[in-house]
PDB file of N, CA and C in Angstrom:
ATOM      1  N   UNK A   1      13.386   2.631   6.074  1.00  0.00           N
ATOM      2  CA  UNK A   1      13.721   1.267   6.402  1.00  0.00           C
ATOM      3  C   UNK A   1      12.451   0.427   6.318  1.00  0.00           C
ATOM      4  N   UNK A   2      12.513  -0.643   5.583  1.00  0.00           N
ATOM      5  CA  UNK A   2      11.364  -1.529   5.476  1.00  0.00           C
ATOM      6  C   UNK A   2      11.302  -2.469   6.666  1.00  0.00           C
ATOM      7  N   UNK A   3      10.119  -2.564   7.224  1.00  0.00           N
ATOM      8  CA  UNK A   3       9.914  -3.525   8.301  1.00  0.00           C
ATOM      9  C   UNK A   3       8.741  -4.423   7.923  1.00  0.00           C
ATOM     10  N   UNK A   4       8.847  -5.706   8.231  1.00  0.00           N
ATOM     11  CA  UNK A   4       7.734  -6.607   7.937  1.00  0.00           C
ATOM     12  C   UNK A   4       6.483  -6.180   8.704  1.00  0.00           C
ATOM     13  N   UNK A   5       5.348  -6.215   8.030  1.00  0.00           N
ATOM     14  CA  UNK A   5       4.076  -5.902   8.674  1.00  0.00           C
ATOM     15  C   UNK A   5       3.219  -7.163   8.817  1.00  0.00           C
ATOM     16  N   UNK A   6       3.108  -7.945   7.749  1.00  0.00           N
ATOM     17  CA  UNK A   6       2.333  -9.186   7.790  1.00  0.00           C
ATOM     18  C   UNK A   6       3.077 -10.270   7.018  1.00  0.00           C
ATOM     19  N   UNK A   7       3.045 -11.470   7.541  1.00  0.00           N
ATOM     20  CA  UNK A   7       3.578 -12.631   6.830  1.00  0.00           C
ATOM     21  C   UNK A   7       2.409 -13.521   6.440  1.00  0.00           C
ATOM     22  N   UNK A   8       2.295 -13.782   5.148  1.00  0.00           N
ATOM     23  CA  UNK A   8       1.202 -14.589   4.618  1.00  0.00           C
ATOM     24  C   UNK A   8       1.778 -15.536   3.571  1.00  0.00           C
ATOM     25  N   UNK A   9       0.935 -16.315   2.944  1.00  0.00           N
ATOM     26  CA  UNK A   9       1.410 -17.201   1.887  1.00  0.00           C
ATOM     27  C   UNK A   9       1.600 -16.404   0.596  1.00  0.00           C
ATOM     28  N   UNK A  10       2.372 -16.967  -0.307  1.00  0.00           N
ATOM     29  CA  UNK A  10       2.553 -16.320  -1.605  1.00  0.00           C
ATOM     30  C   UNK A  10       1.225 -16.202  -2.353  1.00  0.00           C
ATOM     31  N   UNK A  11       0.345 -17.177  -2.167  1.00  0.00           N
ATOM     32  CA  UNK A  11      -0.960 -17.126  -2.822  1.00  0.00           C
ATOM     33  C   UNK A  11      -1.780 -15.928  -2.331  1.00  0.00           C
ATOM     34  N   UNK A  12      -1.719 -15.661  -1.047  1.00  0.00           N
ATOM     35  CA  UNK A  12      -2.452 -14.509  -0.501  1.00  0.00           C
ATOM     36  C   UNK A  12      -1.849 -13.211  -1.024  1.00  0.00           C
ATOM     37  N   UNK A  13      -0.531 -13.146  -1.113  1.00  0.00           N
ATOM     38  CA  UNK A  13       0.109 -11.957  -1.682  1.00  0.00           C
ATOM     39  C   UNK A  13      -0.383 -11.758  -3.112  1.00  0.00           C
ATOM     40  N   UNK A  14      -0.465 -12.826  -3.888  1.00  0.00           N
ATOM     41  CA  UNK A  14      -0.939 -12.722  -5.272  1.00  0.00           C
ATOM     42  C   UNK A  14      -2.381 -12.221  -5.314  1.00  0.00           C
ATOM     43  N   UNK A  15      -3.227 -12.671  -4.379  1.00  0.00           N
ATOM     44  CA  UNK A  15      -4.607 -12.198  -4.325  1.00  0.00           C
ATOM     45  C   UNK A  15      -4.671 -10.713  -3.986  1.00  0.00           C
ATOM     46  N   UNK A  16      -3.837 -10.273  -3.055  1.00  0.00           N
ATOM     47  CA  UNK A  16      -3.795  -8.857  -2.677  1.00  0.00           C
ATOM     48  C   UNK A  16      -3.352  -8.023  -3.875  1.00  0.00           C
ATOM     49  N   UNK A  17      -2.323  -8.467  -4.571  1.00  0.00           N
ATOM     50  CA  UNK A  17      -1.820  -7.725  -5.731  1.00  0.00           C
ATOM     51  C   UNK A  17      -2.875  -7.685  -6.831  1.00  0.00           C
ATOM     52  N   UNK A  18      -3.564  -8.793  -7.057  1.00  0.00           N
ATOM     53  CA  UNK A  18      -4.623  -8.819  -8.076  1.00  0.00           C
ATOM     54  C   UNK A  18      -5.731  -7.827  -7.724  1.00  0.00           C
ATOM     55  N   UNK A  19      -6.108  -7.768  -6.460  1.00  0.00           N
ATOM     56  CA  UNK A  19      -7.122  -6.811  -6.017  1.00  0.00           C
ATOM     57  C   UNK A  19      -6.623  -5.379  -6.201  1.00  0.00           C
ATOM     58  N   UNK A  20      -5.371  -5.144  -5.886  1.00  0.00           N
ATOM     59  CA  UNK A  20      -4.795  -3.805  -6.070  1.00  0.00           C
ATOM     60  C   UNK A  20      -4.791  -3.413  -7.548  1.00  0.00           C
ATOM     61  N   UNK A  21      -4.485  -4.353  -8.430  1.00  0.00           N
ATOM     62  CA  UNK A  21      -4.434  -4.058  -9.863  1.00  0.00           C
ATOM     63  C   UNK A  21      -5.796  -3.636 -10.397  1.00  0.00           C
ATOM     64  N   UNK A  22      -6.861  -4.076  -9.762  1.00  0.00           N
ATOM     65  CA  UNK A  22      -8.203  -3.658 -10.172  1.00  0.00           C
ATOM     66  C   UNK A  22      -8.468  -2.199  -9.804  1.00  0.00           C
ATOM     67  N   UNK A  23      -7.658  -1.645  -8.903  1.00  0.00           N
ATOM     68  CA  UNK A  23      -7.883  -0.294  -8.398  1.00  0.00           C
ATOM     69  C   UNK A  23      -6.720   0.647  -8.705  1.00  0.00           C
ATOM     70  N   UNK A  24      -6.071   0.420  -9.847  1.00  0.00           N
ATOM     71  CA  UNK A  24      -4.991   1.323 -10.250  1.00  0.00           C
ATOM     72  C   UNK A  24      -5.573   2.603 -10.844  1.00  0.00           C
ATOM     73  N   UNK A  25      -4.747   3.599 -10.971  1.00  0.00           N
ATOM     74  CA  UNK A  25      -5.172   4.860 -11.576  1.00  0.00           C
ATOM     75  C   UNK A  25      -5.712   4.616 -12.984  1.00  0.00           C
ATOM     76  N   UNK A  26      -5.063   3.719 -13.724  1.00  0.00           N
ATOM     77  CA  UNK A  26      -5.516   3.414 -15.091  1.00  0.00           C
ATOM     78  C   UNK A  26      -6.933   2.850 -15.105  1.00  0.00           C
ATOM     79  N   UNK A  27      -7.342   2.213 -14.015  1.00  0.00           N
ATOM     80  CA  UNK A  27      -8.684   1.648 -13.906  1.00  0.00           C
ATOM     81  C   UNK A  27      -9.630   2.547 -13.116  1.00  0.00           C
ATOM     82  N   UNK A  28      -9.230   3.792 -12.895  1.00  0.00           N
ATOM     83  CA  UNK A  28     -10.074   4.733 -12.166  1.00  0.00           C
ATOM     84  C   UNK A  28      -9.897   4.683 -10.658  1.00  0.00           C
ATOM     85  N   UNK A  29      -8.889   3.964 -10.180  1.00  0.00           N
ATOM     86  CA  UNK A  29      -8.654   3.840  -8.748  1.00  0.00           C
ATOM     87  C   UNK A  29      -7.591   4.801  -8.257  1.00  0.00           C
ATOM     88  N   UNK A  30      -7.017   4.463  -7.122  1.00  0.00           N
ATOM     89  CA  UNK A  30      -6.068   5.365  -6.474  1.00  0.00           C
ATOM     90  C   UNK A  30      -4.683   4.764  -6.275  1.00  0.00           C
ATOM     91  N   UNK A  31      -4.456   3.594  -6.832  1.00  0.00           N
ATOM     92  CA  UNK A  31      -3.186   2.908  -6.588  1.00  0.00           C
ATOM     93  C   UNK A  31      -2.277   2.929  -7.805  1.00  0.00           C
ATOM     94  N   UNK A  32      -0.992   2.846  -7.529  1.00  0.00           N
ATOM     95  CA  UNK A  32       0.011   2.621  -8.556  1.00  0.00           C
ATOM     96  C   UNK A  32       0.741   1.334  -8.162  1.00  0.00           C
ATOM     97  N   UNK A  33       0.969   0.472  -9.135  1.00  0.00           N
ATOM     98  CA  UNK A  33       1.628  -0.813  -8.889  1.00  0.00           C
ATOM     99  C   UNK A  33       2.914  -0.846  -9.703  1.00  0.00           C
ATOM    100  N   UNK A  34       4.008  -1.195  -9.043  1.00  0.00           N
ATOM    101  CA  UNK A  34       5.291  -1.299  -9.722  1.00  0.00           C
ATOM    102  C   UNK A  34       5.881  -2.677  -9.458  1.00  0.00           C
ATOM    103  N   UNK A  35       6.053  -3.445 -10.538  1.00  0.00           N
ATOM    104  CA  UNK A  35       6.685  -4.757 -10.444  1.00  0.00           C
ATOM    105  C   UNK A  35       8.190  -4.586 -10.502  1.00  0.00           C
ATOM    106  N   UNK A  36       8.886  -5.512  -9.882  1.00  0.00           N
ATOM    107  CA  UNK A  36      10.340  -5.511  -9.924  1.00  0.00           C
ATOM    108  C   UNK A  36      10.791  -5.828 -11.353  1.00  0.00           C
ATOM    109  N   UNK A  37      11.590  -4.957 -11.955  1.00  0.00           N
ATOM    110  CA  UNK A  37      12.012  -5.216 -13.335  1.00  0.00           C
ATOM    111  C   UNK A  37      12.875  -6.465 -13.463  1.00  0.00           C
ATOM    112  N   UNK A  38      13.435  -6.930 -12.364  1.00  0.00           N
ATOM    113  CA  UNK A  38      14.250  -8.139 -12.411  1.00  0.00           C
ATOM    114  C   UNK A  38      13.427  -9.414 -12.444  1.00  0.00           C
ATOM    115  N   UNK A  39      12.123  -9.297 -12.350  1.00  0.00           N
ATOM    116  CA  UNK A  39      11.247 -10.459 -12.418  1.00  0.00           C
ATOM    117  C   UNK A  39      11.304 -11.344 -11.190  1.00  0.00           C
ATOM    118  N   UNK A  40      11.598 -10.772 -10.033  1.00  0.00           N
ATOM    119  CA  UNK A  40      11.731 -11.557  -8.803  1.00  0.00           C
ATOM    120  C   UNK A  40      10.421 -11.592  -8.023  1.00  0.00           C
ATOM    121  N   UNK A  41       9.347 -11.056  -8.597  1.00  0.00           N
ATOM    122  CA  UNK A  41       8.032 -11.037  -7.963  1.00  0.00           C
ATOM    123  C   UNK A  41       7.992 -10.123  -6.739  1.00  0.00           C
ATOM    124  N   UNK A  42       8.789  -9.066  -6.757  1.00  0.00           N
ATOM    125  CA  UNK A  42       8.694  -8.039  -5.725  1.00  0.00           C
ATOM    126  C   UNK A  42       7.826  -6.923  -6.282  1.00  0.00           C
ATOM    127  N   UNK A  43       6.888  -6.453  -5.483  1.00  0.00           N
ATOM    128  CA  UNK A  43       5.908  -5.483  -5.959  1.00  0.00           C
ATOM    129  C   UNK A  43       5.763  -4.362  -4.950  1.00  0.00           C
ATOM    130  N   UNK A  44       5.736  -3.126  -5.477  1.00  0.00           N
ATOM    131  CA  UNK A  44       5.486  -1.953  -4.637  1.00  0.00           C
ATOM    132  C   UNK A  44       4.112  -1.402  -5.004  1.00  0.00           C
ATOM    133  N   UNK A  45       3.305  -1.107  -3.982  1.00  0.00           N
ATOM    134  CA  UNK A  45       1.982  -0.521  -4.186  1.00  0.00           C
ATOM    135  C   UNK A  45       1.977   0.858  -3.537  1.00  0.00           C
ATOM    136  N   UNK A  46       1.690   1.884  -4.334  1.00  0.00           N
ATOM    137  CA  UNK A  46       1.615   3.254  -3.828  1.00  0.00           C
ATOM    138  C   UNK A  46       0.153   3.651  -3.706  1.00  0.00           C
ATOM    139  N   UNK A  47      -0.199   4.222  -2.559  1.00  0.00           N
ATOM    140  CA  UNK A  47      -1.552   4.716  -2.308  1.00  0.00           C
ATOM    141  C   UNK A  47      -1.520   6.229  -2.484  1.00  0.00           C
ATOM    142  N   UNK A  48      -2.335   6.720  -3.397  1.00  0.00           N
ATOM    143  CA  UNK A  48      -2.413   8.162  -3.639  1.00  0.00           C
ATOM    144  C   UNK A  48      -3.513   8.773  -2.792  1.00  0.00           C
ATOM    145  N   UNK A  49      -3.361  10.050  -2.487  1.00  0.00           N
ATOM    146  CA  UNK A  49      -4.283  10.744  -1.602  1.00  0.00           C
ATOM    147  C   UNK A  49      -5.499  11.310  -2.299  1.00  0.00           C
ATOM    148  N   UNK A  50      -6.542  11.490  -1.516  1.00  0.00           N
ATOM    149  CA  UNK A  50      -7.778  12.122  -1.948  1.00  0.00           C
ATOM    150  C   UNK A  50      -7.891  13.427  -1.174  1.00  0.00           C
ATOM    151  N   UNK A  51      -8.151  14.507  -1.872  1.00  0.00           N
ATOM    152  CA  UNK A  51      -8.323  15.795  -1.217  1.00  0.00           C
ATOM    153  C   UNK A  51      -9.500  16.509  -1.857  1.00  0.00           C
ATOM    154  N   UNK A  52     -10.379  17.003  -1.026  1.00  0.00           N
ATOM    155  CA  UNK A  52     -11.581  17.680  -1.498  1.00  0.00           C
ATOM    156  C   UNK A  52     -12.365  16.811  -2.463  1.00  0.00           C
ATOM    157  N   UNK A  53     -12.397  15.515  -2.189  1.00  0.00           N
ATOM    158  CA  UNK A  53     -13.194  14.591  -2.981  1.00  0.00           C
ATOM    159  C   UNK A  53     -12.587  14.191  -4.308  1.00  0.00           C
ATOM    160  N   UNK A  54     -11.364  14.627  -4.609  1.00  0.00           N
ATOM    161  CA  UNK A  54     -10.738  14.302  -5.878  1.00  0.00           C
ATOM    162  C   UNK A  54      -9.418  13.581  -5.635  1.00  0.00           C
ATOM    163  N   UNK A  55      -9.146  12.613  -6.513  1.00  0.00           N
ATOM    164  CA  UNK A  55      -7.874  11.906  -6.467  1.00  0.00           C
ATOM    165  C   UNK A  55      -6.760  12.840  -6.908  1.00  0.00           C
ATOM    166  N   UNK A  56      -5.720  12.898  -6.120  1.00  0.00           N
ATOM    167  CA  UNK A  56      -4.525  13.644  -6.509  1.00  0.00           C
ATOM    168  C   UNK A  56      -3.503  12.620  -6.970  1.00  0.00           C
ATOM    169  N   UNK A  57      -3.389  12.486  -8.287  1.00  0.00           N
ATOM    170  CA  UNK A  57      -2.645  11.379  -8.876  1.00  0.00           C
ATOM    171  C   UNK A  57      -1.192  11.278  -8.432  1.00  0.00           C
ATOM    172  N   UNK A  58      -0.524  12.361  -8.283  1.00  0.00           N
ATOM    173  CA  UNK A  58       0.878  12.283  -7.889  1.00  0.00           C
ATOM    174  C   UNK A  58       1.054  12.789  -6.467  1.00  0.00           C
ATOM    175  N   UNK A  59       0.196  12.321  -5.593  1.00  0.00           N
ATOM    176  CA  UNK A  59       0.252  12.709  -4.189  1.00  0.00           C
ATOM    177  C   UNK A  59       0.270  11.450  -3.333  1.00  0.00           C
ATOM    178  N   UNK A  60       1.390  10.705  -3.372  1.00  0.00           N
ATOM    179  CA  UNK A  60       1.425   9.469  -2.594  1.00  0.00           C
ATOM    180  C   UNK A  60       1.404   9.749  -1.098  1.00  0.00           C
ATOM    181  N   UNK A  61       0.546   9.025  -0.417  1.00  0.00           N
ATOM    182  CA  UNK A  61       0.508   9.164   1.035  1.00  0.00           C
ATOM    183  C   UNK A  61       1.203   7.991   1.718  1.00  0.00           C
ATOM    184  N   UNK A  62       1.487   6.970   0.949  1.00  0.00           N
ATOM    185  CA  UNK A  62       2.167   5.823   1.522  1.00  0.00           C
ATOM    186  C   UNK A  62       2.318   4.708   0.519  1.00  0.00           C
ATOM    187  N   UNK A  63       3.074   3.704   0.915  1.00  0.00           N
ATOM    188  CA  UNK A  63       3.314   2.558   0.044  1.00  0.00           C
ATOM    189  C   UNK A  63       3.527   1.325   0.904  1.00  0.00           C
ATOM    190  N   UNK A  64       3.287   0.183   0.283  1.00  0.00           N
ATOM    191  CA  UNK A  64       3.680  -1.066   0.913  1.00  0.00           C
ATOM    192  C   UNK A  64       4.317  -1.955  -0.137  1.00  0.00           C
ATOM    193  N   UNK A  65       5.025  -2.954   0.342  1.00  0.00           N
ATOM    194  CA  UNK A  65       5.871  -3.764  -0.513  1.00  0.00           C
ATOM    195  C   UNK A  65       5.559  -5.232  -0.286  1.00  0.00           C
ATOM    196  N   UNK A  66       5.435  -5.963  -1.383  1.00  0.00           N
ATOM    197  CA  UNK A  66       5.150  -7.400  -1.294  1.00  0.00           C
ATOM    198  C   UNK A  66       6.386  -8.177  -1.735  1.00  0.00           C
ATOM    199  N   UNK A  67       6.786  -9.105  -0.908  1.00  0.00           N
ATOM    200  CA  UNK A  67       7.898 -10.019  -1.192  1.00  0.00           C
ATOM    201  C   UNK A  67       9.261  -9.342  -1.233  1.00  0.00           C
ATOM    202  N   UNK A  68       9.401  -8.147  -0.676  1.00  0.00           N
ATOM    203  CA  UNK A  68      10.710  -7.477  -0.679  1.00  0.00           C
ATOM    204  C   UNK A  68      11.618  -8.041   0.406  1.00  0.00           C
ATOM    205  N   UNK A  69      11.132  -8.103   1.642  1.00  0.00           N
ATOM    206  CA  UNK A  69      12.004  -8.573   2.720  1.00  0.00           C
ATOM    207  C   UNK A  69      12.118 -10.090   2.745  1.00  0.00           C
ATOM    208  N   UNK A  70      11.078 -10.780   2.262  1.00  0.00           N
ATOM    209  CA  UNK A  70      11.073 -12.244   2.152  1.00  0.00           C
ATOM    210  C   UNK A  70       9.811 -12.641   1.381  1.00  0.00           C
ATOM    211  N   UNK A  71       9.800 -13.824   0.778  1.00  0.00           N
ATOM    212  CA  UNK A  71       8.593 -14.266   0.085  1.00  0.00           C
ATOM    213  C   UNK A  71       7.414 -14.343   1.051  1.00  0.00           C
ATOM    214  N   UNK A  72       6.273 -13.779   0.634  1.00  0.00           N
ATOM    215  CA  UNK A  72       5.068 -13.816   1.450  1.00  0.00           C
ATOM    216  C   UNK A  72       4.987 -12.746   2.516  1.00  0.00           C
ATOM    217  N   UNK A  73       5.953 -11.841   2.554  1.00  0.00           N
ATOM    218  CA  UNK A  73       5.954 -10.787   3.563  1.00  0.00           C
ATOM    219  C   UNK A  73       5.507  -9.476   2.925  1.00  0.00           C
ATOM    220  N   UNK A  74       4.552  -8.831   3.588  1.00  0.00           N
ATOM    221  CA  UNK A  74       4.123  -7.494   3.200  1.00  0.00           C
ATOM    222  C   UNK A  74       4.795  -6.543   4.178  1.00  0.00           C
ATOM    223  N   UNK A  75       5.586  -5.624   3.634  1.00  0.00           N
ATOM    224  CA  UNK A  75       6.358  -4.728   4.488  1.00  0.00           C
ATOM    225  C   UNK A  75       5.979  -3.270   4.226  1.00  0.00           C
ATOM    226  N   UNK A  76       6.349  -2.428   5.185  1.00  0.00           N
ATOM    227  CA  UNK A  76       6.082  -0.993   5.090  1.00  0.00           C
ATOM    228  C   UNK A  76       7.360  -0.239   5.446  1.00  0.00           C
ATOM    229  N   UNK A  77       7.406   1.026   5.045  1.00  0.00           N
ATOM    230  CA  UNK A  77       8.521   1.886   5.463  1.00  0.00           C
ATOM    231  C   UNK A  77       8.239   2.378   6.868  1.00  0.00           C
ATOM    232  N   UNK A  78       9.141   2.066   7.767  1.00  0.00           N
ATOM    233  CA  UNK A  78       8.933   2.464   9.152  1.00  0.00           C
ATOM    234  C   UNK A  78      10.279   2.477   9.852  1.00  0.00           C
ATOM    235  N   UNK A  79      10.578   3.576  10.513  1.00  0.00           N
ATOM    236  CA  UNK A  79      11.804   3.658  11.296  1.00  0.00           C
ATOM    237  C   UNK A  79      11.497   4.463  12.551  1.00  0.00           C
ATOM    238  N   UNK A  80      11.105   3.779  13.619  1.00  0.00           N
ATOM    239  CA  UNK A  80      10.698   4.475  14.832  1.00  0.00           C
ATOM    240  C   UNK A  80      11.814   5.287  15.492  1.00  0.00           C
ATOM    241  N   UNK A  81      13.062   5.101  15.082  1.00  0.00           N
ATOM    242  CA  UNK A  81      14.158   5.846  15.682  1.00  0.00           C
ATOM    243  C   UNK A  81      14.241   7.282  15.171  1.00  0.00           C
ATOM    244  N   UNK A  82      13.577   7.574  14.050  1.00  0.00           N
ATOM    245  CA  UNK A  82      13.610   8.921  13.499  1.00  0.00           C
ATOM    246  C   UNK A  82      12.420   9.727  13.995  1.00  0.00           C
ATOM    247  N   UNK A  83      12.648  11.021  14.139  1.00  0.00           N
ATOM    248  CA  UNK A  83      11.529  11.909  14.464  1.00  0.00           C
ATOM    249  C   UNK A  83      10.566  11.900  13.290  1.00  0.00           C
ATOM    250  N   UNK A  84       9.281  11.861  13.614  1.00  0.00           N
ATOM    251  CA  UNK A  84       8.279  11.815  12.569  1.00  0.00           C
ATOM    252  C   UNK A  84       7.227  12.872  12.809  1.00  0.00           C
ATOM    253  N   UNK A  85       6.650  13.315  11.722  1.00  0.00           N
ATOM    254  CA  UNK A  85       5.536  14.238  11.839  1.00  0.00           C
ATOM    255  C   UNK A  85       4.273  13.437  12.136  1.00  0.00           C
ATOM    256  N   UNK A  86       3.273  14.123  12.626  1.00  0.00           N
ATOM    257  CA  UNK A  86       1.990  13.462  12.872  1.00  0.00           C
ATOM    258  C   UNK A  86       1.393  12.951  11.563  1.00  0.00           C
ATOM    259  N   UNK A  87       1.587  13.711  10.472  1.00  0.00           N
ATOM    260  CA  UNK A  87       1.073  13.271   9.179  1.00  0.00           C
ATOM    261  C   UNK A  87       1.661  11.926   8.779  1.00  0.00           C
ATOM    262  N   UNK A  88       2.967  11.756   8.958  1.00  0.00           N
ATOM    263  CA  UNK A  88       3.595  10.483   8.595  1.00  0.00           C
ATOM    264  C   UNK A  88       3.013   9.336   9.404  1.00  0.00           C
ATOM    265  N   UNK A  89       2.743   9.582  10.677  1.00  0.00           N
ATOM    266  CA  UNK A  89       2.149   8.536  11.517  1.00  0.00           C
ATOM    267  C   UNK A  89       0.745   8.196  11.036  1.00  0.00           C
ATOM    268  N   UNK A  90      -0.021   9.221  10.692  1.00  0.00           N
ATOM    269  CA  UNK A  90      -1.381   9.003  10.195  1.00  0.00           C
ATOM    270  C   UNK A  90      -1.344   8.241   8.880  1.00  0.00           C
ATOM    271  N   UNK A  91      -0.465   8.644   7.969  1.00  0.00           N
ATOM    272  CA  UNK A  91      -0.372   7.982   6.668  1.00  0.00           C
ATOM    273  C   UNK A  91       0.049   6.522   6.831  1.00  0.00           C
ATOM    274  N   UNK A  92       0.968   6.249   7.753  1.00  0.00           N
ATOM    275  CA  UNK A  92       1.374   4.863   7.984  1.00  0.00           C
ATOM    276  C   UNK A  92       0.212   4.033   8.502  1.00  0.00           C
ATOM    277  N   UNK A  93      -0.611   4.631   9.360  1.00  0.00           N
ATOM    278  CA  UNK A  93      -1.792   3.920   9.848  1.00  0.00           C
ATOM    279  C   UNK A  93      -2.778   3.635   8.712  1.00  0.00           C
ATOM    280  N   UNK A  94      -2.886   4.578   7.775  1.00  0.00           N
ATOM    281  CA  UNK A  94      -3.741   4.352   6.601  1.00  0.00           C
ATOM    282  C   UNK A  94      -3.210   3.181   5.788  1.00  0.00           C
ATOM    283  N   UNK A  95      -1.901   3.120   5.608  1.00  0.00           N
ATOM    284  CA  UNK A  95      -1.295   2.013   4.865  1.00  0.00           C
ATOM    285  C   UNK A  95      -1.569   0.691   5.577  1.00  0.00           C
ATOM    286  N   UNK A  96      -1.396   0.662   6.882  1.00  0.00           N
ATOM    287  CA  UNK A  96      -1.645  -0.569   7.641  1.00  0.00           C
ATOM    288  C   UNK A  96      -3.111  -0.997   7.551  1.00  0.00           C
ATOM    289  N   UNK A  97      -4.011  -0.044   7.673  1.00  0.00           N
ATOM    290  CA  UNK A  97      -5.440  -0.356   7.578  1.00  0.00           C
ATOM    291  C   UNK A  97      -5.780  -0.875   6.180  1.00  0.00           C
ATOM    292  N   UNK A  98      -5.160  -0.277   5.175  1.00  0.00           N
ATOM    293  CA  UNK A  98      -5.375  -0.729   3.801  1.00  0.00           C
ATOM    294  C   UNK A  98      -4.935  -2.173   3.641  1.00  0.00           C
ATOM    295  N   UNK A  99      -3.750  -2.489   4.129  1.00  0.00           N
ATOM    296  CA  UNK A  99      -3.244  -3.863   4.037  1.00  0.00           C
ATOM    297  C   UNK A  99      -4.195  -4.819   4.756  1.00  0.00           C
ATOM    298  N   UNK A 100      -4.604  -4.458   5.962  1.00  0.00           N
ATOM    299  CA  UNK A 100      -5.507  -5.326   6.729  1.00  0.00           C
ATOM    300  C   UNK A 100      -6.801  -5.597   5.971  1.00  0.00           C
ATOM    301  N   UNK A 101      -7.367  -4.561   5.363  1.00  0.00           N
ATOM    302  CA  UNK A 101      -8.618  -4.746   4.625  1.00  0.00           C
ATOM    303  C   UNK A 101      -8.404  -5.550   3.351  1.00  0.00           C
ATOM    304  N   UNK A 102      -7.280  -5.315   2.661  1.00  0.00           N
ATOM    305  CA  UNK A 102      -6.983  -6.096   1.467  1.00  0.00           C
ATOM    306  C   UNK A 102      -6.822  -7.579   1.802  1.00  0.00           C
ATOM    307  N   UNK A 103      -6.255  -7.865   2.957  1.00  0.00           N
ATOM    308  CA  UNK A 103      -6.074  -9.263   3.361  1.00  0.00           C
ATOM    309  C   UNK A 103      -7.404  -9.966   3.630  1.00  0.00           C
ATOM    310  N   UNK A 104      -8.459  -9.193   3.867  1.00  0.00           N
ATOM    311  CA  UNK A 104      -9.784  -9.811   4.040  1.00  0.00           C
ATOM    312  C   UNK A 104     -10.478 -10.001   2.697  1.00  0.00           C
ATOM    313  N   UNK A 105      -9.826  -9.562   1.616  1.00  0.00           N
ATOM    314  CA  UNK A 105     -10.404  -9.719   0.284  1.00  0.00           C
ATOM    315  C   UNK A 105     -11.255  -8.549  -0.163  1.00  0.00           C
ATOM    316  N   UNK A 106     -11.228  -7.459   0.606  1.00  0.00           N
ATOM    317  CA  UNK A 106     -12.018  -6.285   0.258  1.00  0.00           C
ATOM    318  C   UNK A 106     -11.088  -5.133  -0.073  1.00  0.00           C
ATOM    319  N   UNK A 107     -11.556  -4.271  -0.977  1.00  0.00           N
ATOM    320  CA  UNK A 107     -10.812  -3.040  -1.211  1.00  0.00           C
ATOM    321  C   UNK A 107     -11.372  -2.002  -0.263  1.00  0.00           C
ATOM    322  N   UNK A 108     -10.512  -1.273   0.436  1.00  0.00           N
ATOM    323  CA  UNK A 108     -10.968  -0.303   1.434  1.00  0.00           C
ATOM    324  C   UNK A 108     -11.862   0.774   0.843  1.00  0.00           C
ATOM    325  N   UNK A 109     -12.756   1.277   1.666  1.00  0.00           N
ATOM    326  CA  UNK A 109     -13.629   2.377   1.289  1.00  0.00           C
ATOM    327  C   UNK A 109     -12.785   3.611   1.004  1.00  0.00           C
ATOM    328  N   UNK A 110     -13.080   4.264  -0.095  1.00  0.00           N
ATOM    329  CA  UNK A 110     -12.293   5.430  -0.511  1.00  0.00           C
ATOM    330  C   UNK A 110     -12.279   6.523   0.557  1.00  0.00           C
ATOM    331  N   UNK A 111     -13.292   6.595   1.376  1.00  0.00           N
ATOM    332  CA  UNK A 111     -13.335   7.651   2.396  1.00  0.00           C
ATOM    333  C   UNK A 111     -12.250   7.458   3.455  1.00  0.00           C
ATOM    334  N   UNK A 112     -11.671   6.275   3.531  1.00  0.00           N
ATOM    335  CA  UNK A 112     -10.565   6.038   4.460  1.00  0.00           C
ATOM    336  C   UNK A 112      -9.324   6.834   4.121  1.00  0.00           C
ATOM    337  N   UNK A 113      -9.269   7.357   2.891  1.00  0.00           N
ATOM    338  CA  UNK A 113      -8.063   8.004   2.418  1.00  0.00           C
ATOM    339  C   UNK A 113      -8.166   9.510   2.351  1.00  0.00           C
ATOM    340  N   UNK A 114      -9.196  10.087   2.889  1.00  0.00           N
ATOM    341  CA  UNK A 114      -9.383  11.538   2.816  1.00  0.00           C
ATOM    342  C   UNK A 114      -8.271  12.249   3.580  1.00  0.00           C
ATOM    343  N   UNK A 115      -7.743  13.298   2.960  1.00  0.00           N
ATOM    344  CA  UNK A 115      -6.688  14.080   3.584  1.00  0.00           C
ATOM    345  C   UNK A 115      -7.203  15.387   4.135  1.00  0.00           C
ATOM    346  N   UNK A 116      -8.453  15.760   3.805  1.00  0.00           N
ATOM    347  CA  UNK A 116      -8.970  17.049   4.287  1.00  0.00           C
ATOM    348  C   UNK A 116      -9.900  16.884   5.464  1.00  0.00           C
TER     349      UNK A 116
END
């Protein structure tokens, strides 16, 4: 279930997405970006995990969504009614920290994503 995490302007969402695009796997980073094929400006950002100092390309630890629940809203998958593992809680915190740092205009330090 997607829940809103931050509400910002559409311009700030565009800045966050632009920063994320600089750090995609294709550019040597750890993110995958998926635009809505319907052209509605909804974007999903997947954060891949780092283990033993190496990027694990198909090891998503979390994702966040821009403009899915409403324009200018950055949302995350969260459903507190379900039992969760400690790993899921940790990964969600990583996603939240990533969003917070991206909103300041910085890309988070890669060491924030270590899984080992």
